C-alpha atoms as a PDB file:
ATOM      1  CA  UNK A   1       3.727   0.572 -19.162  1.00  0.00           C
ATOM      2  CA  UNK A   2       0.384   2.567 -20.015  1.00  0.00           C
ATOM      3  CA  UNK A   3       0.954   5.849 -17.915  1.00  0.00           C
ATOM      4  CA  UNK A   4      -3.123   5.435 -17.055  1.00  0.00           C
ATOM      5  CA  UNK A   5      -2.849   1.777 -15.388  1.00  0.00           C
ATOM      6  CA  UNK A   6      -4.756   1.866 -12.302  1.00  0.00           C
ATOM      7  CA  UNK A   7      -4.632  -0.617  -9.335  1.00  0.00           C
ATOM      8  CA  UNK A   8      -7.986  -2.488  -9.137  1.00  0.00           C
ATOM      9  CA  UNK A   9      -9.589  -5.262  -7.261  1.00  0.00           C
ATOM     10  CA  UNK A  10      -9.479  -8.010  -9.915  1.00  0.00           C
ATOM     11  CA  UNK A  11      -6.004  -7.467 -10.145  1.00  0.00           C
ATOM     12  CA  UNK A  12      -5.265  -8.851  -6.470  1.00  0.00           C
ATOM     13  CA  UNK A  13      -6.905 -12.263  -7.281  1.00  0.00           C
ATOM     14  CA  UNK A  14      -5.059 -12.646 -10.424  1.00  0.00           C
ATOM     15  CA  UNK A  15      -1.967 -15.097 -10.136  1.00  0.00           C
ATOM     16  CA  UNK A  16       1.111 -13.558 -12.137  1.00  0.00           C
ATOM     17  CA  UNK A  17       3.682 -15.942 -13.181  1.00  0.00           C
ATOM     18  CA  UNK A  18       6.071 -13.073 -14.640  1.00  0.00           C
ATOM     19  CA  UNK A  19       9.301 -12.028 -13.939  1.00  0.00           C
ATOM     20  CA  UNK A  20       8.329  -8.680 -14.801  1.00  0.00           C
ATOM     21  CA  UNK A  21       9.131  -6.882 -11.212  1.00  0.00           C
ATOM     22  CA  UNK A  22       6.583  -4.251 -12.196  1.00  0.00           C
ATOM     23  CA  UNK A  23       3.574  -6.461 -13.012  1.00  0.00           C
ATOM     24  CA  UNK A  24       4.550  -8.073  -9.770  1.00  0.00           C
ATOM     25  CA  UNK A  25       4.176  -4.822  -7.733  1.00  0.00           C
ATOM     26  CA  UNK A  26       1.277  -3.698  -9.235  1.00  0.00           C
ATOM     27  CA  UNK A  27      -0.601  -7.167  -8.301  1.00  0.00           C
ATOM     28  CA  UNK A  28       0.896  -6.597  -4.738  1.00  0.00           C
ATOM     29  CA  UNK A  29      -0.444  -3.151  -4.620  1.00  0.00           C
ATOM     30  CA  UNK A  30      -3.798  -4.297  -5.344  1.00  0.00           C
ATOM     31  CA  UNK A  31      -3.361  -6.854  -2.368  1.00  0.00           C
ATOM     32  CA  UNK A  32      -2.766  -4.134  -0.418  1.00  0.00           C
ATOM     33  CA  UNK A  33      -5.389  -2.291  -1.028  1.00  0.00           C
ATOM     34  CA  UNK A  34      -7.960  -4.481  -0.609  1.00  0.00           C
ATOM     35  CA  UNK A  35      -6.308  -5.965   2.724  1.00  0.00           C
ATOM     36  CA  UNK A  36      -6.445  -2.031   3.731  1.00  0.00           C
ATOM     37  CA  UNK A  37      -9.911  -1.930   3.142  1.00  0.00           C
ATOM     38  CA  UNK A  38     -11.000  -4.927   4.677  1.00  0.00           C
ATOM     39  CA  UNK A  39      -8.347  -4.554   7.774  1.00  0.00           C
ATOM     40  CA  UNK A  40      -6.995  -7.924   6.928  1.00  0.00           C
ATOM     41  CA  UNK A  41      -4.094  -8.367   8.970  1.00  0.00           C
ATOM     42  CA  UNK A  42      -3.193 -11.774   7.967  1.00  0.00           C
ATOM     43  CA  UNK A  43      -2.558 -10.350   4.211  1.00  0.00           C
ATOM     44  CA  UNK A  44      -1.075  -6.939   5.858  1.00  0.00           C
ATOM     45  CA  UNK A  45       1.483  -8.891   8.018  1.00  0.00           C
ATOM     46  CA  UNK A  46       2.325 -11.094   4.853  1.00  0.00           C
ATOM     47  CA  UNK A  47       2.837  -7.757   2.707  1.00  0.00           C
ATOM     48  CA  UNK A  48       4.595  -5.419   5.286  1.00  0.00           C
ATOM     49  CA  UNK A  49       8.211  -6.039   6.243  1.00  0.00           C
ATOM     50  CA  UNK A  50       9.327  -6.434   9.903  1.00  0.00           C
ATOM     51  CA  UNK A  51      11.617  -3.249   9.644  1.00  0.00           C
ATOM     52  CA  UNK A  52       8.486  -1.459   8.069  1.00  0.00           C
ATOM     53  CA  UNK A  53       8.363   2.554   8.636  1.00  0.00           C
ATOM     54  CA  UNK A  54       5.481   4.611   7.893  1.00  0.00           C
ATOM     55  CA  UNK A  55       5.765   8.435   7.867  1.00  0.00           C
ATOM     56  CA  UNK A  56       2.048   9.968   7.605  1.00  0.00           C
ATOM     57  CA  UNK A  57       1.214  13.354   6.282  1.00  0.00           C
ATOM     58  CA  UNK A  58       1.556  14.582   9.975  1.00  0.00           C
ATOM     59  CA  UNK A  59       5.045  13.663  10.038  1.00  0.00           C
ATOM     60  CA  UNK A  60       4.197  10.618  12.589  1.00  0.00           C
ATOM     61  CA  UNK A  61       6.000   7.803  12.289  1.00  0.00           C
ATOM     62  CA  UNK A  62       4.544   4.162  12.377  1.00  0.00           C
ATOM     63  CA  UNK A  63       6.275   0.561  12.500  1.00  0.00           C
ATOM     64  CA  UNK A  64       4.749  -2.509  10.988  1.00  0.00           C
ATOM     65  CA  UNK A  65       3.042  -3.678  14.504  1.00  0.00           C
ATOM     66  CA  UNK A  66       1.643  -0.187  14.830  1.00  0.00           C
ATOM     67  CA  UNK A  67       0.115  -0.603  11.607  1.00  0.00           C
ATOM     68  CA  UNK A  68      -1.489  -3.790  12.212  1.00  0.00           C
ATOM     69  CA  UNK A  69      -2.563  -2.829  15.402  1.00  0.00           C
ATOM     70  CA  UNK A  70      -4.667   0.046  14.368  1.00  0.00           C
ATOM     71  CA  UNK A  71      -6.461  -2.848  11.847  1.00  0.00           C
ATOM     72  CA  UNK A  72      -6.980  -5.059  14.712  1.00  0.00           C
ATOM     73  CA  UNK A  73      -8.380  -2.877  17.020  1.00  0.00           C
ATOM     74  CA  UNK A  74     -10.770  -1.334  14.571  1.00  0.00           C
ATOM     75  CA  UNK A  75      -9.286   2.375  15.333  1.00  0.00           C
ATOM     76  CA  UNK A  76      -8.465   2.551  11.666  1.00  0.00           C
ATOM     77  CA  UNK A  77     -11.132   1.275   9.188  1.00  0.00           C
ATOM     78  CA  UNK A  78     -10.976   2.542   5.493  1.00  0.00           C
ATOM     79  CA  UNK A  79     -14.165   2.857   3.623  1.00  0.00           C
ATOM     80  CA  UNK A  80     -12.721   4.051   0.526  1.00  0.00           C
ATOM     81  CA  UNK A  81      -9.305   3.894  -1.488  1.00  0.00           C
ATOM     82  CA  UNK A  82      -9.489   5.329  -5.052  1.00  0.00           C
ATOM     83  CA  UNK A  83      -5.917   5.221  -6.669  1.00  0.00           C
ATOM     84  CA  UNK A  84      -5.149   7.397  -9.861  1.00  0.00           C
ATOM     85  CA  UNK A  85      -1.960   8.672 -11.230  1.00  0.00           C
ATOM     86  CA  UNK A  86       0.244   5.379 -10.450  1.00  0.00           C
ATOM     87  CA  UNK A  87       4.084   5.837 -11.345  1.00  0.00           C
ATOM     88  CA  UNK A  88       6.470   2.682 -10.656  1.00  0.00           C
ATOM     89  CA  UNK A  89       9.954   2.848 -10.979  1.00  0.00           C
ATOM     90  CA  UNK A  90      12.962   0.591 -10.038  1.00  0.00           C
ATOM     91  CA  UNK A  91      14.748  -2.950 -10.892  1.00  0.00           C
ATOM     92  CA  UNK A  92      14.449  -6.255 -10.143  1.00  0.00           C
ATOM     93  CA  UNK A  93      15.370  -5.469  -6.493  1.00  0.00           C
ATOM     94  CA  UNK A  94      13.660  -2.285  -5.737  1.00  0.00           C
ATOM     95  CA  UNK A  95      10.414  -0.983  -6.554  1.00  0.00           C
ATOM     96  CA  UNK A  96       9.153   2.537  -5.671  1.00  0.00           C
ATOM     97  CA  UNK A  97       5.418   3.318  -6.194  1.00  0.00           C
ATOM     98  CA  UNK A  98       3.962   6.691  -6.212  1.00  0.00           C
ATOM     99  CA  UNK A  99       0.111   6.862  -6.492  1.00  0.00           C
ATOM    100  CA  UNK A 100      -2.432   9.569  -5.309  1.00  0.00           C
ATOM    101  CA  UNK A 101      -5.233   7.962  -3.620  1.00  0.00           C
ATOM    102  CA  UNK A 102      -8.776   9.163  -2.341  1.00  0.00           C
ATOM    103  CA  UNK A 103      -9.022   8.005   0.834  1.00  0.00           C
ATOM    104  CA  UNK A 104     -12.231   7.983   3.365  1.00  0.00           C
ATOM    105  CA  UNK A 105     -12.527   6.132   6.440  1.00  0.00           C
ATOM    106  CA  UNK A 106     -12.806   6.528  10.316  1.00  0.00           C
ATOM    107  CA  UNK A 107      -9.550   6.949  12.753  1.00  0.00           C
ATOM    108  CA  UNK A 108     -10.750   6.811  16.460  1.00  0.00           C
ATOM    109  CA  UNK A 109     -14.674   7.001  15.520  1.00  0.00           C
ATOM    110  CA  UNK A 110     -13.993  10.046  13.528  1.00  0.00           C
ATOM    111  CA  UNK A 111     -14.699  10.445   9.829  1.00  0.00           C
ATOM    112  CA  UNK A 112     -12.440  11.374   7.261  1.00  0.00           C
ATOM    113  CA  UNK A 113     -11.595  12.123   3.619  1.00  0.00           C
ATOM    114  CA  UNK A 114      -8.182  12.832   2.245  1.00  0.00           C
ATOM    115  CA  UNK A 115      -6.739  13.491  -1.103  1.00  0.00           C
ATOM    116  CA  UNK A 116      -3.145  11.735  -0.486  1.00  0.00           C
ATOM    117  CA  UNK A 117      -0.109  10.880  -2.332  1.00  0.00           C
ATOM    118  CA  UNK A 118       1.572   7.855  -1.307  1.00  0.00           C
ATOM    119  CA  UNK A 119       5.196   6.710  -1.789  1.00  0.00           C
ATOM    120  CA  UNK A 120       5.779   3.223  -1.149  1.00  0.00           C
ATOM    121  CA  UNK A 121       9.224   1.163  -1.374  1.00  0.00           C
ATOM    122  CA  UNK A 122       9.009  -2.591  -2.128  1.00  0.00           C
ATOM    123  CA  UNK A 123      12.126  -4.697  -1.700  1.00  0.00           C
ATOM    124  CA  UNK A 124      12.508  -7.940  -3.463  1.00  0.00           C
ATOM    125  CA  UNK A 125      13.760 -10.839  -0.793  1.00  0.00           C
ATOM    126  CA  UNK A 126      16.145 -13.861  -1.523  1.00  0.00           C
ATOM    127  CA  UNK A 127      13.054 -16.085  -2.043  1.00  0.00           C
ATOM    128  CA  UNK A 128      11.831 -13.884  -4.858  1.00  0.00           C
ATOM    129  CA  UNK A 129       8.770 -12.476  -2.869  1.00  0.00           C
ATOM    130  CA  UNK A 130       8.310  -8.530  -2.316  1.00  0.00           C
ATOM    131  CA  UNK A 131       7.714  -6.780   0.837  1.00  0.00           C
ATOM    132  CA  UNK A 132       6.771  -3.293   1.812  1.00  0.00           C
ATOM    133  CA  UNK A 133       9.847  -1.476   3.479  1.00  0.00           C
ATOM    134  CA  UNK A 134       8.860   2.347   3.481  1.00  0.00           C
ATOM    135  CA  UNK A 135       5.683   4.109   3.220  1.00  0.00           C
ATOM    136  CA  UNK A 136       5.026   7.878   3.097  1.00  0.00           C
ATOM    137  CA  UNK A 137       1.709   9.964   2.477  1.00  0.00           C
ATOM    138  CA  UNK A 138       1.345  13.515   1.801  1.00  0.00           C
ATOM    139  CA  UNK A 139      -1.565  15.780   1.245  1.00  0.00           C
ATOM    140  CA  UNK A 140      -2.348  17.143  -2.193  1.00  0.00           C
ATOM    141  CA  UNK A 141      -3.357  20.310  -2.187  1.00  0.00           C
END
């Protein structure tokens, strides 16, 4: 796996007929990024586990419904999500992704620009699909 691999928009539209979990998660990460940019709650609902927990860089906890609600209401809108430095580790059941992300958008009408590192945990379901179960962000200083 190349260390300079990046998640990009074109990957999210490709169909991966691979059993390589890392390839599958690269595609899921691309779909997640595009869904977040578009506030596409249908795709986010598909990708995120019902038991999802997200801890943001301020230590606040969010559930799947919290996350979807922010997108549905327009309170949160991303303008850019620029990934770099991806690192994927795991096995056939669980993949952990660490990725640096230049993020910009609006929250509650206020603009923001952040340099964050996300850690996300993807879990394989019995039917072979993957869902995001845990996410954490921290500021890069």
